[in-house]
Amino acid sequence: MKTLHCRDVGFDCEGVIKGTTDEEVLQQAAEHAFTVHGMTVTPELAEQVKTLIKEEA
């Protein structure tokens, strides 16, 4: 399972996105960023966020 904590991206947010692949996590993160934070994820930002995805047991 791969996870991304919204707080790690720099937001004061307890959101945690989980998925089986980096692409799945990135897609969900983009949806979360838009619906919760009102921001659109650019390809450049997606590459930066990808480095913050962690592998969880």
Protein backbone atom coordinates (compact mmCIF):
# COMPACT_ATOMS: atom_id res chain seq x y z
CA MET A 1 0.00 0.00 0.00
CA LYS A 2 1.30 3.43 -0.93
CA THR A 3 0.36 6.50 1.08
CA LEU A 4 0.67 10.25 0.82
CA HIS A 5 0.04 12.53 3.77
CA CYS A 6 -1.33 15.90 2.71
CA ARG A 7 0.63 17.51 5.56
CA ASP A 8 3.88 16.31 3.90
CA VAL A 9 3.00 18.38 0.84
CA GLY A 10 2.79 21.49 3.03
CA PHE A 11 -0.88 21.80 3.87
CA ASP A 12 -2.32 22.03 7.38
CA CYS A 13 -4.49 19.01 6.59
CA GLU A 14 -4.88 15.56 8.12
CA GLY A 15 -5.74 13.97 4.75
CA VAL A 16 -4.10 10.67 3.90
CA ILE A 17 -4.34 9.30 0.37
CA LYS A 18 -3.85 5.57 -0.16
CA GLY A 19 -3.50 3.46 -3.27
CA THR A 20 -1.75 0.48 -4.78
CA THR A 21 0.33 2.44 -7.32
CA ASP A 22 1.98 5.87 -7.45
CA GLU A 23 -0.35 6.81 -10.30
CA GLU A 24 -3.44 5.90 -8.26
CA VAL A 25 -2.19 7.96 -5.31
CA LEU A 26 -1.37 10.91 -7.58
CA GLN A 27 -4.81 10.83 -9.18
CA GLN A 28 -6.53 10.80 -5.79
CA ALA A 29 -4.17 13.51 -4.53
CA ALA A 30 -5.07 15.73 -7.50
CA GLU A 31 -8.78 15.26 -6.76
CA HIS A 32 -8.19 16.00 -3.05
CA ALA A 33 -6.12 19.10 -3.86
CA PHE A 34 -8.87 20.44 -6.11
CA THR A 35 -11.91 19.65 -3.97
CA VAL A 36 -10.44 20.41 -0.53
CA HIS A 37 -7.76 23.02 -1.25
CA GLY A 38 -9.06 24.55 -4.50
CA MET A 39 -5.83 24.00 -6.37
CA THR A 40 -5.01 22.33 -9.66
CA VAL A 41 -2.01 20.01 -9.72
CA THR A 42 0.40 20.76 -12.55
CA PRO A 43 2.64 18.06 -14.05
CA GLU A 44 5.63 19.70 -12.33
CA LEU A 45 3.90 19.63 -8.94
CA ALA A 46 2.85 16.01 -9.51
CA GLU A 47 6.52 15.06 -10.01
CA GLN A 48 7.44 16.75 -6.73
CA VAL A 49 4.53 15.12 -4.88
CA LYS A 50 5.49 11.72 -6.29
CA THR A 51 8.72 11.86 -4.26
CA LEU A 52 6.63 12.14 -1.06
CA ILE A 53 4.68 8.91 -1.60
CA LYS A 54 5.69 6.29 0.94
CA GLU A 55 5.43 2.51 0.89
CA GLU A 56 3.50 1.27 3.93
CA ALA A 57 3.24 -2.29 5.19
